[in-house]
C-alpha atoms as a PDB file:
ATOM      1  CA  MET A   1      85.021 140.751  77.921  1.00  0.00           C
ATOM      2  CA  LYS A   2      88.700 140.407  76.967  1.00  0.00           C
ATOM      3  CA  ILE A   3      89.542 143.328  79.259  1.00  0.00           C
ATOM      4  CA  ILE A   4      87.706 141.637  82.143  1.00  0.00           C
ATOM      5  CA  ASP A   5      89.530 138.337  81.450  1.00  0.00           C
ATOM      6  CA  GLU A   6      92.906 140.071  81.577  1.00  0.00           C
ATOM      7  CA  TYR A   7      91.900 141.933  84.722  1.00  0.00           C
ATOM      8  CA  ILE A   8      90.864 138.752  86.551  1.00  0.00           C
ATOM      9  CA  ILE A   9      93.941 136.784  85.398  1.00  0.00           C
ATOM     10  CA  LYS A  10      96.253 139.575  86.587  1.00  0.00           C
ATOM     11  CA  LYS A  11      94.415 139.722  89.913  1.00  0.00           C
ATOM     12  CA  PHE A  12      94.568 135.918  90.182  1.00  0.00           C
ATOM     13  CA  LEU A  13      98.288 135.550  89.506  1.00  0.00           C
ATOM     14  CA  GLY A  14      99.279 138.760  91.272  1.00  0.00           C
ATOM     15  CA  THR A  15      97.535 137.818  94.515  1.00  0.00           C
ATOM     16  CA  PHE A  16      98.968 134.295  94.310  1.00  0.00           C
ATOM     17  CA  ILE A  17     102.549 135.507  93.828  1.00  0.00           C
ATOM     18  CA  PHE A  18     102.204 137.992  96.685  1.00  0.00           C
ATOM     19  CA  ALA A  19     100.670 135.398  99.033  1.00  0.00           C
ATOM     20  CA  ILE A  20     103.207 132.686  98.230  1.00  0.00           C
ATOM     21  CA  SER A  21     106.054 135.179  98.709  1.00  0.00           C
ATOM     22  CA  VAL A  22     104.810 136.097 102.184  1.00  0.00           C
ATOM     23  CA  ILE A  23     104.336 132.438 103.142  1.00  0.00           C
ATOM     24  CA  MET A  24     107.813 131.497 101.895  1.00  0.00           C
ATOM     25  CA  VAL A  25     109.446 134.282 103.913  1.00  0.00           C
ATOM     26  CA  ILE A  26     107.697 132.987 107.039  1.00  0.00           C
ATOM     27  CA  VAL A  27     108.636 129.365 106.256  1.00  0.00           C
ATOM     28  CA  VAL A  28     112.305 130.249 105.682  1.00  0.00           C
ATOM     29  CA  VAL A  29     112.484 132.271 108.918  1.00  0.00           C
ATOM     30  CA  PHE A  30     111.025 129.387 110.947  1.00  0.00           C
ATOM     31  CA  ASP A  31     113.258 126.843 109.180  1.00  0.00           C
ATOM     32  CA  ILE A  32     116.397 128.874 109.872  1.00  0.00           C
ATOM     33  CA  SER A  33     115.469 129.197 113.543  1.00  0.00           C
ATOM     34  CA  GLU A  34     114.911 125.430 113.708  1.00  0.00           C
ATOM     35  CA  ASN A  35     118.114 124.387 111.908  1.00  0.00           C
ATOM     36  CA  ILE A  36     120.534 127.134 112.951  1.00  0.00           C
ATOM     37  CA  GLU A  37     122.140 124.915 115.602  1.00  0.00           C
ATOM     38  CA  ASP A  38     122.672 122.113 113.066  1.00  0.00           C
ATOM     39  CA  PHE A  39     124.197 124.554 110.577  1.00  0.00           C
ATOM     40  CA  ILE A  40     126.637 125.853 113.200  1.00  0.00           C
ATOM     41  CA  SER A  41     127.530 122.482 114.746  1.00  0.00           C
ATOM     42  CA  SER A  42     128.110 120.829 111.343  1.00  0.00           C
ATOM     43  CA  HIS A  43     130.038 123.869 110.001  1.00  0.00           C
ATOM     44  CA  ALA A  44     127.807 124.133 106.933  1.00  0.00           C
ATOM     45  CA  PRO A  45     129.209 126.739 104.486  1.00  0.00           C
ATOM     46  CA  LEU A  46     127.025 129.828 104.095  1.00  0.00           C
ATOM     47  CA  LYS A  47     127.251 129.553 100.307  1.00  0.00           C
ATOM     48  CA  GLU A  48     125.828 126.026 100.360  1.00  0.00           C
ATOM     49  CA  ILE A  49     123.119 126.983 102.853  1.00  0.00           C
ATOM     50  CA  ILE A  50     121.871 129.722 100.499  1.00  0.00           C
ATOM     51  CA  PHE A  51     122.527 128.345  97.022  1.00  0.00           C
ATOM     52  CA  VAL A  52     122.219 124.589  97.632  1.00  0.00           C
ATOM     53  CA  PHE A  53     119.760 124.152 100.481  1.00  0.00           C
ATOM     54  CA  TYR A  54     117.383 127.118 100.336  1.00  0.00           C
ATOM     55  CA  ALA A  55     117.629 127.563  96.564  1.00  0.00           C
ATOM     56  CA  ASN A  56     116.273 124.001  96.254  1.00  0.00           C
ATOM     57  CA  PHE A  57     114.129 124.209  99.393  1.00  0.00           C
ATOM     58  CA  LEU A  58     111.892 127.010  98.080  1.00  0.00           C
ATOM     59  CA  PRO A  59     110.690 125.364  94.814  1.00  0.00           C
ATOM     60  CA  TYR A  60     109.648 122.268  96.772  1.00  0.00           C
ATOM     61  CA  PHE A  61     107.583 124.196  99.318  1.00  0.00           C
ATOM     62  CA  ILE A  62     106.165 126.644  96.757  1.00  0.00           C
ATOM     63  CA  ASN A  63     104.768 123.696  94.817  1.00  0.00           C
ATOM     64  CA  LEU A  64     103.644 121.986  98.029  1.00  0.00           C
ATOM     65  CA  PHE A  65     101.594 124.972  99.194  1.00  0.00           C
ATOM     66  CA  SER A  66     100.467 126.203  95.767  1.00  0.00           C
ATOM     67  CA  PRO A  67      96.939 124.635  95.682  1.00  0.00           C
ATOM     68  CA  LEU A  68      96.007 125.968  99.115  1.00  0.00           C
ATOM     69  CA  ILE A  69      97.628 129.371  98.512  1.00  0.00           C
ATOM     70  CA  ILE A  70      95.762 129.696  95.216  1.00  0.00           C
ATOM     71  CA  PHE A  71      92.545 128.805  97.032  1.00  0.00           C
ATOM     72  CA  ILE A  72      93.074 131.539  99.623  1.00  0.00           C
ATOM     73  CA  SER A  73      94.191 133.982  96.893  1.00  0.00           C
ATOM     74  CA  VAL A  74      91.034 133.381  94.860  1.00  0.00           C
ATOM     75  CA  ILE A  75      88.905 133.978  97.946  1.00  0.00           C
ATOM     76  CA  ILE A  76      90.745 137.210  98.811  1.00  0.00           C
ATOM     77  CA  PHE A  77      90.569 138.976  95.442  1.00  0.00           C
ATOM     78  CA  THR A  78      87.130 137.595  94.474  1.00  0.00           C
ATOM     79  CA  SER A  79      85.677 138.681  97.838  1.00  0.00           C
ATOM     80  CA  ARG A  80      87.112 142.135  97.270  1.00  0.00           C
ATOM     81  CA  MET A  81      85.497 142.239  93.812  1.00  0.00           C
ATOM     82  CA  ALA A  82      82.175 141.138  95.303  1.00  0.00           C
ATOM     83  CA  TYR A  83      82.441 143.675  98.132  1.00  0.00           C
ATOM     84  CA  ASN A  84      83.081 146.465  95.587  1.00  0.00           C
ATOM     85  CA  THR A  85      80.043 145.255  93.581  1.00  0.00           C
ATOM     86  CA  GLU A  86      82.268 144.494  90.563  1.00  0.00           C
ATOM     87  CA  ILE A  87      80.826 140.988  90.107  1.00  0.00           C
ATOM     88  CA  VAL A  88      77.266 142.316  90.275  1.00  0.00           C
ATOM     89  CA  ALA A  89      78.118 144.893  87.604  1.00  0.00           C
ATOM     90  CA  ILE A  90      79.650 142.237  85.350  1.00  0.00           C
ATOM     91  CA  LEU A  91      76.658 139.900  85.665  1.00  0.00           C
ATOM     92  CA  SER A  92      74.230 142.812  85.172  1.00  0.00           C
ATOM     93  CA  ASN A  93      75.763 143.519  81.765  1.00  0.00           C
ATOM     94  CA  GLY A  94      74.625 140.163  80.413  1.00  0.00           C
ATOM     95  CA  ILE A  95      77.801 138.158  81.097  1.00  0.00           C
ATOM     96  CA  SER A  96      76.874 134.712  82.372  1.00  0.00           C
ATOM     97  CA  PHE A  97      78.228 133.225  85.572  1.00  0.00           C
ATOM     98  CA  LYS A  98      79.865 130.383  83.613  1.00  0.00           C
ATOM     99  CA  ARG A  99      81.547 132.844  81.241  1.00  0.00           C
ATOM    100  CA  LEU A 100      82.874 134.779  84.232  1.00  0.00           C
ATOM    101  CA  MET A 101      84.512 131.577  85.443  1.00  0.00           C
ATOM    102  CA  LEU A 102      86.557 131.204  82.237  1.00  0.00           C
ATOM    103  CA  PRO A 103      89.570 133.340  83.313  1.00  0.00           C
ATOM    104  CA  TYR A 104      89.612 131.440  86.614  1.00  0.00           C
ATOM    105  CA  LEU A 105      89.635 128.173  84.691  1.00  0.00           C
ATOM    106  CA  ILE A 106      92.450 129.324  82.385  1.00  0.00           C
ATOM    107  CA  SER A 107      94.594 130.542  85.271  1.00  0.00           C
ATOM    108  CA  SER A 108      94.051 127.422  87.391  1.00  0.00           C
ATOM    109  CA  ILE A 109      94.785 125.055  84.492  1.00  0.00           C
ATOM    110  CA  CYS A 110      98.033 126.924  83.721  1.00  0.00           C
ATOM    111  CA  VAL A 111      99.104 126.642  87.366  1.00  0.00           C
ATOM    112  CA  CYS A 112      98.014 122.971  87.405  1.00  0.00           C
ATOM    113  CA  ILE A 113     100.127 122.114  84.330  1.00  0.00           C
ATOM    114  CA  LEU A 114     103.089 124.059  85.714  1.00  0.00           C
ATOM    115  CA  SER A 115     102.758 122.294  89.076  1.00  0.00           C
ATOM    116  CA  PHE A 116     102.578 118.872  87.399  1.00  0.00           C
ATOM    117  CA  CYS A 117     105.724 119.541  85.340  1.00  0.00           C
ATOM    118  CA  LEU A 118     107.593 120.896  88.347  1.00  0.00           C
ATOM    119  CA  MET A 119     106.506 118.029  90.597  1.00  0.00           C
ATOM    120  CA  ASN A 120     107.449 115.272  88.152  1.00  0.00           C
ATOM    121  CA  PHE A 121     110.421 116.606  86.207  1.00  0.00           C
ATOM    122  CA  VAL A 122     112.061 119.692  87.772  1.00  0.00           C
ATOM    123  CA  ILE A 123     111.689 119.487  91.557  1.00  0.00           C
ATOM    124  CA  PRO A 124     113.050 115.893  91.849  1.00  0.00           C
ATOM    125  CA  ASN A 125     116.435 117.173  90.642  1.00  0.00           C
ATOM    126  CA  SER A 126     116.439 120.018  93.169  1.00  0.00           C
ATOM    127  CA  ASN A 127     115.216 117.637  95.880  1.00  0.00           C
ATOM    128  CA  SER A 128     118.210 115.361  95.353  1.00  0.00           C
ATOM    129  CA  LYS A 129     120.522 118.300  96.121  1.00  0.00           C
ATOM    130  CA  ARG A 130     118.417 119.357  99.106  1.00  0.00           C
ATOM    131  CA  ILE A 131     118.280 115.830 100.556  1.00  0.00           C
ATOM    132  CA  LYS A 132     122.031 115.401 100.089  1.00  0.00           C
ATOM    133  CA  PHE A 133     122.622 118.641 102.004  1.00  0.00           C
ATOM    134  CA  GLU A 134     120.256 117.519 104.783  1.00  0.00           C
ATOM    135  CA  ASP A 135     122.009 114.146 105.070  1.00  0.00           C
ATOM    136  CA  THR A 136     125.374 115.910 105.309  1.00  0.00           C
ATOM    137  CA  TYR A 137     124.665 118.838 107.624  1.00  0.00           C
ATOM    138  CA  ILE A 138     121.272 118.357 109.323  1.00  0.00           C
ATOM    139  CA  ARG A 139     120.511 114.676 109.883  1.00  0.00           C
ATOM    140  CA  SER A 140     122.805 113.081 112.430  1.00  0.00           C
ATOM    141  CA  SER A 141     125.057 110.372 111.077  1.00  0.00           C
ATOM    142  CA  GLY A 142     124.581 106.788 112.160  1.00  0.00           C
ATOM    143  CA  LYS A 143     121.009 107.129 113.392  1.00  0.00           C
ATOM    144  CA  TYR A 144     119.098 105.708 110.454  1.00  0.00           C
ATOM    145  CA  TYR A 145     118.118 102.098 110.518  1.00  0.00           C
ATOM    146  CA  GLY A 146     115.771 100.465 108.041  1.00  0.00           C
ATOM    147  CA  THR A 147     113.801  97.677 109.681  1.00  0.00           C
ATOM    148  CA  SER A 148     112.102  94.427 108.713  1.00  0.00           C
ATOM    149  CA  PHE A 149     113.091  94.009 105.078  1.00  0.00           C
ATOM    150  CA  HIS A 150     111.314  91.258 103.181  1.00  0.00           C
ATOM    151  CA  LYS A 151     111.906  91.147  99.431  1.00  0.00           C
ATOM    152  CA  GLN A 152     111.857  88.902  96.433  1.00  0.00           C
ATOM    153  CA  VAL A 153     115.133  89.666  94.684  1.00  0.00           C
ATOM    154  CA  ALA A 154     114.717  87.082  91.897  1.00  0.00           C
ATOM    155  CA  PRO A 155     112.083  84.521  90.874  1.00  0.00           C
ATOM    156  CA  GLY A 156     111.918  82.058  93.748  1.00  0.00           C
ATOM    157  CA  THR A 157     114.579  83.874  95.808  1.00  0.00           C
ATOM    158  CA  PHE A 158     113.508  85.704  98.960  1.00  0.00           C
ATOM    159  CA  ILE A 159     115.562  87.635 101.499  1.00  0.00           C
ATOM    160  CA  PHE A 160     114.748  88.620 105.081  1.00  0.00           C
ATOM    161  CA  LEU A 161     116.622  91.214 107.117  1.00  0.00           C
ATOM    162  CA  ASP A 162     115.803  92.397 110.624  1.00  0.00           C
ATOM    163  CA  ASN A 163     117.396  95.849 110.196  1.00  0.00           C
ATOM    164  CA  PHE A 164     120.008  97.642 108.110  1.00  0.00           C
ATOM    165  CA  ASN A 165     122.330 100.524 109.000  1.00  0.00           C
ATOM    166  CA  ARG A 166     122.734 102.597 105.855  1.00  0.00           C
ATOM    167  CA  ASP A 167     125.737 104.483 107.251  1.00  0.00           C
ATOM    168  CA  ASN A 168     128.070 101.468 107.551  1.00  0.00           C
ATOM    169  CA  ASN A 169     126.181  99.148 105.143  1.00  0.00           C
ATOM    170  CA  THR A 170     125.637  96.493 107.801  1.00  0.00           C
ATOM    171  CA  GLY A 171     122.581  94.298 108.299  1.00  0.00           C
ATOM    172  CA  TYR A 172     121.562  91.946 111.092  1.00  0.00           C
ATOM    173  CA  GLN A 173     119.683  88.629 111.278  1.00  0.00           C
ATOM    174  CA  PHE A 174     119.879  87.869 107.555  1.00  0.00           C
ATOM    175  CA  PHE A 175     118.118  85.003 105.719  1.00  0.00           C
ATOM    176  CA  ILE A 176     117.927  84.101 102.047  1.00  0.00           C
ATOM    177  CA  GLU A 177     115.728  81.276 100.765  1.00  0.00           C
ATOM    178  CA  GLU A 178     115.458  79.593  97.374  1.00  0.00           C
ATOM    179  CA  ILE A 179     112.064  78.070  96.599  1.00  0.00           C
ATOM    180  CA  ASP A 180     111.150  75.991  93.554  1.00  0.00           C
ATOM    181  CA  ASN A 181     107.525  74.966  92.964  1.00  0.00           C
ATOM    182  CA  ASN A 182     106.663  75.819  96.578  1.00  0.00           C
ATOM    183  CA  VAL A 183     109.455  73.560  97.820  1.00  0.00           C
ATOM    184  CA  LEU A 184     112.301  74.982  99.895  1.00  0.00           C
ATOM    185  CA  LYS A 185     115.633  74.111  98.222  1.00  0.00           C
ATOM    186  CA  SER A 186     118.142  76.018 100.335  1.00  0.00           C
ATOM    187  CA  LYS A 187     118.340  78.458 103.212  1.00  0.00           C
ATOM    188  CA  LEU A 188     121.315  80.624 104.105  1.00  0.00           C
ATOM    189  CA  SER A 189     121.297  82.550 107.392  1.00  0.00           C
ATOM    190  CA  ALA A 190     123.821  84.853 109.074  1.00  0.00           C
ATOM    191  CA  SER A 191     123.828  86.941 112.231  1.00  0.00           C
ATOM    192  CA  LEU A 192     125.510  89.811 110.364  1.00  0.00           C
ATOM    193  CA  ILE A 193     125.890  90.813 106.713  1.00  0.00           C
ATOM    194  CA  ARG A 194     128.171  93.637 105.570  1.00  0.00           C
ATOM    195  CA  TRP A 195     128.749  95.175 102.139  1.00  0.00           C
ATOM    196  CA  ASP A 196     132.381  95.393 100.969  1.00  0.00           C
ATOM    197  CA  SER A 197     132.401  98.378  98.610  1.00  0.00           C
ATOM    198  CA  LEU A 198     135.985  97.782  97.491  1.00  0.00           C
ATOM    199  CA  ARG A 199     135.306  94.290  96.130  1.00  0.00           C
ATOM    200  CA  ASN A 200     131.550  94.668  95.578  1.00  0.00           C
ATOM    201  CA  ARG A 201     130.868  91.597  97.661  1.00  0.00           C
ATOM    202  CA  TRP A 202     128.902  90.665 100.741  1.00  0.00           C
ATOM    203  CA  ILE A 203     130.597  89.448 103.918  1.00  0.00           C
ATOM    204  CA  LEU A 204     128.533  87.095 106.095  1.00  0.00           C
ATOM    205  CA  GLU A 205     129.457  86.346 109.692  1.00  0.00           C
ATOM    206  CA  ASN A 206     128.315  83.303 111.698  1.00  0.00           C
ATOM    207  CA  TYR A 207     126.539  81.791 108.733  1.00  0.00           C
ATOM    208  CA  ILE A 208     124.626  78.528 108.307  1.00  0.00           C
ATOM    209  CA  LEU A 209     123.843  77.065 104.878  1.00  0.00           C
ATOM    210  CA  ARG A 210     121.199  74.354 104.625  1.00  0.00           C
ATOM    211  CA  ARG A 211     120.400  72.478 101.400  1.00  0.00           C
ATOM    212  CA  PHE A 212     117.309  70.299 101.034  1.00  0.00           C
ATOM    213  CA  ASN A 213     116.824  67.376  98.657  1.00  0.00           C
ATOM    214  CA  GLY A 214     113.582  65.667  99.508  1.00  0.00           C
ATOM    215  CA  LEU A 215     113.973  64.242 102.995  1.00  0.00           C
ATOM    216  CA  ASN A 216     117.755  64.691 102.915  1.00  0.00           C
ATOM    217  CA  GLU A 217     119.377  67.784 104.390  1.00  0.00           C
ATOM    218  CA  SER A 218     122.987  68.993 104.397  1.00  0.00           C
ATOM    219  CA  MET A 219     124.333  71.798 106.556  1.00  0.00           C
ATOM    220  CA  ILE A 220     127.484  73.924 106.425  1.00  0.00           C
ATOM    221  CA  LYS A 221     128.528  76.305 109.207  1.00  0.00           C
ATOM    222  CA  GLY A 222     131.240  78.941 109.253  1.00  0.00           C
ATOM    223  CA  ALA A 223     132.474  82.100 110.907  1.00  0.00           C
ATOM    224  CA  ARG A 224     132.816  84.120 107.673  1.00  0.00           C
ATOM    225  CA  LEU A 225     131.722  83.838 104.057  1.00  0.00           C
ATOM    226  CA  ASP A 226     132.555  86.203 101.181  1.00  0.00           C
ATOM    227  CA  THR A 227     129.981  85.938  98.410  1.00  0.00           C
ATOM    228  CA  THR A 228     127.880  87.802  95.857  1.00  0.00           C
ATOM    229  CA  PHE A 229     124.118  88.079  95.505  1.00  0.00           C
ATOM    230  CA  SER A 230     121.777  89.539  92.928  1.00  0.00           C
ATOM    231  CA  PHE A 231     121.177  92.537  95.221  1.00  0.00           C
ATOM    232  CA  THR A 232     123.458  95.251  96.585  1.00  0.00           C
ATOM    233  CA  CYS A 233     123.370  97.600  99.573  1.00  0.00           C
ATOM    234  CA  LYS A 234     121.373 100.122  97.508  1.00  0.00           C
ATOM    235  CA  ASP A 235     118.341  97.839  97.765  1.00  0.00           C
ATOM    236  CA  PHE A 236     118.206  98.522 101.506  1.00  0.00           C
ATOM    237  CA  LYS A 237     118.771 102.283 101.315  1.00  0.00           C
ATOM    238  CA  ILE A 238     115.473 103.479  99.920  1.00  0.00           C
ATOM    239  CA  LYS A 239     113.640 105.855 102.239  1.00  0.00           C
ATOM    240  CA  ILE A 240     110.289 107.487 101.594  1.00  0.00           C
ATOM    241  CA  GLN A 241     112.137 110.814 101.326  1.00  0.00           C
ATOM    242  CA  ASP A 242     114.276 109.427  98.502  1.00  0.00           C
ATOM    243  CA  LEU A 243     111.184 109.209  96.287  1.00  0.00           C
ATOM    244  CA  ASP A 244     111.166 113.009  96.189  1.00  0.00           C
ATOM    245  CA  ALA A 245     114.394 112.848  94.171  1.00  0.00           C
ATOM    246  CA  MET A 246     112.916 110.566  91.470  1.00  0.00           C
ATOM    247  CA  ASN A 247     111.344 112.039  88.359  1.00  0.00           C
ATOM    248  CA  PHE A 248     108.238 110.598  86.703  1.00  0.00           C
ATOM    249  CA  SER A 249     109.935 107.869  84.671  1.00  0.00           C
ATOM    250  CA  GLU A 250     112.377 106.926  87.448  1.00  0.00           C
ATOM    251  CA  LEU A 251     109.537 106.554  89.950  1.00  0.00           C
ATOM    252  CA  ASN A 252     107.503 104.341  87.604  1.00  0.00           C
ATOM    253  CA  LYS A 253     110.550 102.165  86.911  1.00  0.00           C
ATOM    254  CA  PHE A 254     111.334 101.914  90.616  1.00  0.00           C
ATOM    255  CA  ILE A 255     107.751 100.891  91.475  1.00  0.00           C
ATOM    256  CA  SER A 256     107.800  98.235  88.754  1.00  0.00           C
ATOM    257  CA  GLU A 257     111.052  96.784  90.109  1.00  0.00           C
ATOM    258  CA  GLU A 258     109.833  96.819  93.708  1.00  0.00           C
ATOM    259  CA  LYS A 259     106.615  95.030  92.725  1.00  0.00           C
ATOM    260  CA  THR A 260     108.715  92.256  91.210  1.00  0.00           C
ATOM    261  CA  LYS A 261     110.714  92.027  94.429  1.00  0.00           C
ATOM    262  CA  GLY A 262     107.561  91.835  96.546  1.00  0.00           C
ATOM    263  CA  ASN A 263     108.419  94.933  98.569  1.00  0.00           C
ATOM    264  CA  GLU A 264     105.910  95.371 101.413  1.00  0.00           C
ATOM    265  CA  LYS A 265     106.237  99.167 101.253  1.00  0.00           C
ATOM    266  CA  ILE A 266     105.033  99.371  97.656  1.00  0.00           C
ATOM    267  CA  VAL A 267     101.844 101.160  98.744  1.00  0.00           C
ATOM    268  CA  PHE A 268     103.904 104.142 100.008  1.00  0.00           C
ATOM    269  CA  TYR A 269     105.559 104.436  96.603  1.00  0.00           C
ATOM    270  CA  GLU A 270     102.225 104.222  94.762  1.00  0.00           C
ATOM    271  CA  VAL A 271     100.759 106.925  97.007  1.00  0.00           C
ATOM    272  CA  GLU A 272     103.645 109.209  96.088  1.00  0.00           C
ATOM    273  CA  LYS A 273     103.123 108.445  92.383  1.00  0.00           C
ATOM    274  CA  HIS A 274      99.419 109.290  92.375  1.00  0.00           C
ATOM    275  CA  LYS A 275      99.866 112.368  94.570  1.00  0.00           C
ATOM    276  CA  ARG A 276     101.971 113.880  91.800  1.00  0.00           C
ATOM    277  CA  THR A 277      98.872 113.934  89.595  1.00  0.00           C
ATOM    278  CA  ALA A 278      96.102 114.469  92.122  1.00  0.00           C
ATOM    279  CA  TYR A 279      97.764 117.312  94.015  1.00  0.00           C
ATOM    280  CA  PRO A 280      98.234 119.637  90.992  1.00  0.00           C
ATOM    281  CA  PHE A 281      94.665 118.896  89.864  1.00  0.00           C
ATOM    282  CA  ALA A 282      93.432 120.060  93.263  1.00  0.00           C
ATOM    283  CA  THR A 283      94.376 123.561  92.104  1.00  0.00           C
ATOM    284  CA  VAL A 284      91.494 123.581  89.619  1.00  0.00           C
ATOM    285  CA  ILE A 285      88.974 122.175  92.107  1.00  0.00           C
ATOM    286  CA  LEU A 286      89.911 124.563  94.910  1.00  0.00           C
ATOM    287  CA  THR A 287      89.824 127.517  92.503  1.00  0.00           C
ATOM    288  CA  PHE A 288      86.198 126.849  91.610  1.00  0.00           C
ATOM    289  CA  ILE A 289      85.278 126.310  95.262  1.00  0.00           C
ATOM    290  CA  GLY A 290      86.951 129.589  96.178  1.00  0.00           C
ATOM    291  CA  PHE A 291      85.228 131.484  93.361  1.00  0.00           C
ATOM    292  CA  SER A 292      81.769 130.049  94.079  1.00  0.00           C
ATOM    293  CA  LEU A 293      82.171 130.683  97.803  1.00  0.00           C
ATOM    294  CA  SER A 294      83.380 134.277  97.582  1.00  0.00           C
ATOM    295  CA  SER A 295      81.414 135.615  94.592  1.00  0.00           C
ATOM    296  CA  ARG A 296      78.474 136.427  96.894  1.00  0.00           C
ATOM    297  CA  LYS A 297      78.541 139.793  98.668  1.00  0.00           C
ATOM    298  CA  VAL A 298      77.937 139.296 102.386  1.00  0.00           C
ATOM    299  CA  ARG A 299      77.502 141.723 105.255  1.00  0.00           C
ATOM    300  CA  GLY A 300      80.600 140.447 107.068  1.00  0.00           C
ATOM    301  CA  GLY A 301      82.902 141.440 104.178  1.00  0.00           C
ATOM    302  CA  ILE A 302      85.875 139.421 103.033  1.00  0.00           C
ATOM    303  CA  GLY A 303      86.556 138.244 106.588  1.00  0.00           C
ATOM    304  CA  MET A 304      83.666 135.781 106.387  1.00  0.00           C
ATOM    305  CA  HIS A 305      84.969 134.378 103.113  1.00  0.00           C
ATOM    306  CA  ILE A 306      88.549 134.084 104.360  1.00  0.00           C
ATOM    307  CA  GLY A 307      87.330 132.292 107.502  1.00  0.00           C
ATOM    308  CA  ALA A 308      85.327 129.815 105.429  1.00  0.00           C
ATOM    309  CA  GLY A 309      88.310 129.343 103.111  1.00  0.00           C
ATOM    310  CA  ILE A 310      90.627 128.506 106.009  1.00  0.00           C
ATOM    311  CA  VAL A 311      88.116 125.946 107.327  1.00  0.00           C
ATOM    312  CA  ILE A 312      87.848 124.294 103.903  1.00  0.00           C
ATOM    313  CA  SER A 313      91.645 124.317 103.529  1.00  0.00           C
ATOM    314  CA  PHE A 314      92.117 122.474 106.811  1.00  0.00           C
ATOM    315  CA  ALA A 315      89.309 120.077 105.892  1.00  0.00           C
ATOM    316  CA  TYR A 316      91.055 119.275 102.604  1.00  0.00           C
ATOM    317  CA  ILE A 317      94.379 118.598 104.361  1.00  0.00           C
ATOM    318  CA  LEU A 318      92.592 116.431 106.941  1.00  0.00           C
ATOM    319  CA  PHE A 319      90.820 114.345 104.283  1.00  0.00           C
ATOM    320  CA  MET A 320      94.088 113.933 102.375  1.00  0.00           C
ATOM    321  CA  GLN A 321      95.891 112.602 105.456  1.00  0.00           C
ATOM    322  CA  VAL A 322      93.019 110.312 106.455  1.00  0.00           C
ATOM    323  CA  SER A 323      92.650 108.814 102.968  1.00  0.00           C
ATOM    324  CA  VAL A 324      96.412 108.228 102.665  1.00  0.00           C
ATOM    325  CA  THR A 325      96.351 106.509 106.066  1.00  0.00           C
ATOM    326  CA  PHE A 326      93.641 104.157 104.802  1.00  0.00           C
ATOM    327  CA  ALA A 327      95.852 103.294 101.823  1.00  0.00           C
ATOM    328  CA  THR A 328      98.967 102.602 103.886  1.00  0.00           C
ATOM    329  CA  ASN A 329      97.216 100.711 106.689  1.00  0.00           C
ATOM    330  CA  SER A 330      94.417  98.875 104.878  1.00  0.00           C
ATOM    331  CA  ASN A 331      93.629  97.377 101.490  1.00  0.00           C
ATOM    332  CA  LEU A 332      92.315 100.596  99.947  1.00  0.00           C
ATOM    333  CA  PRO A 333      94.065 101.078  96.555  1.00  0.00           C
ATOM    334  CA  ALA A 334      96.477 104.017  96.492  1.00  0.00           C
ATOM    335  CA  LEU A 335      94.847 105.542  93.389  1.00  0.00           C
ATOM    336  CA  ILE A 336      91.421 105.702  95.072  1.00  0.00           C
ATOM    337  CA  ALA A 337      92.816 106.893  98.398  1.00  0.00           C
ATOM    338  CA  VAL A 338      94.730 109.793  96.864  1.00  0.00           C
ATOM    339  CA  TRP A 339      91.834 110.936  94.649  1.00  0.00           C
ATOM    340  CA  ILE A 340      89.090 110.697  97.328  1.00  0.00           C
ATOM    341  CA  PRO A 341      89.694 114.279  98.626  1.00  0.00           C
ATOM    342  CA  ASN A 342      89.569 115.668  95.069  1.00  0.00           C
ATOM    343  CA  ALA A 343      86.355 113.747  94.360  1.00  0.00           C
ATOM    344  CA  MET A 344      84.670 114.923  97.569  1.00  0.00           C
ATOM    345  CA  PHE A 345      85.716 118.536  97.148  1.00  0.00           C
ATOM    346  CA  GLY A 346      84.846 118.381  93.446  1.00  0.00           C
ATOM    347  CA  ILE A 347      81.274 117.504  94.455  1.00  0.00           C
ATOM    348  CA  LEU A 348      81.349 120.363  96.981  1.00  0.00           C
ATOM    349  CA  GLY A 349      82.526 122.706  94.225  1.00  0.00           C
ATOM    350  CA  LEU A 350      79.660 121.680  91.919  1.00  0.00           C
ATOM    351  CA  TYR A 351      77.170 122.258  94.721  1.00  0.00           C
ATOM    352  CA  LEU A 352      78.563 125.707  95.535  1.00  0.00           C
ATOM    353  CA  MET A 353      78.509 126.644  91.842  1.00  0.00           C
ATOM    354  CA  LYS A 354      74.846 125.600  91.662  1.00  0.00           C
ATOM    355  CA  ILE A 355      73.748 127.736  94.602  1.00  0.00           C
ATOM    356  CA  ALA A 356      76.007 130.715  93.837  1.00  0.00           C
ATOM    357  CA  PRO A 357      74.132 133.941  92.927  1.00  0.00           C
ATOM    358  CA  LYS A 358      74.041 134.379  89.168  1.00  0.00           C
END
């Protein structure tokens, strides 16, 4: 049985490496054709394109596609084994169906652990270099605006900002309120707020400061005010893409801080956190689905199995997107939303294992 285990593991990993290599070549070719004009117009150095962008681009996409590529790989080589009557011969020699699944389990768990480590500790570092390159040579400068910021920056202190230009560190329609025991104590508003990086201070233009003491109110107006707050321009520069550059501990710390501030986009950050666990685990689930689906010899050959595998792959992606949408646009907890596809396809895997020929 040890020989069979080694044979299946080699087939498993060999087919996966071959398939992922082919997919990556196709992805790189399409990406080059899409970004070639940006590379030329921004005068991006060839050395940085190869060793900074694509050297850090490939690990990200290899990990992104790995569960689905493994699924297709399992279907391809298992269908070939079934078509050549290898699985029938193995089962006929007294080896149980569950025992035959052991090398699949070992291989998928190894890939799952590797994917988890890459996704949470290695790839974030490479993503930071990739994102920096994209911001420099691909994304046009001056076009990013964050909108509708509403945060609690300290206990009882809330800020409101209509939009923020991260390129010149300028915000518009700014308000900051101090509340004590549900009573408004002061409110400072400005039509424009700009970060002075040389002095690490905020510059407010056309500001109005109101202070409240019971029924009494005082008001101060001015054209310009230089001041400091408990927040800096970095608090307005977080994009969803920036989460890709945070490792496991940094992401947890960031989510904890944003919860304290009352960030309305916290659900997006929690979705990203739970995806880093659920997505690698999908490797194990999809492996068992692929094995159970393709271990039966059918008249149509491996084409039938590959067709069914593609349908299931698209169904998995569809369920993932739908469940994430429910989390970001409704009250469905991010943990449940992210794990729903794995739960549903886990049930499908158990059913296919039950009806598989043994």
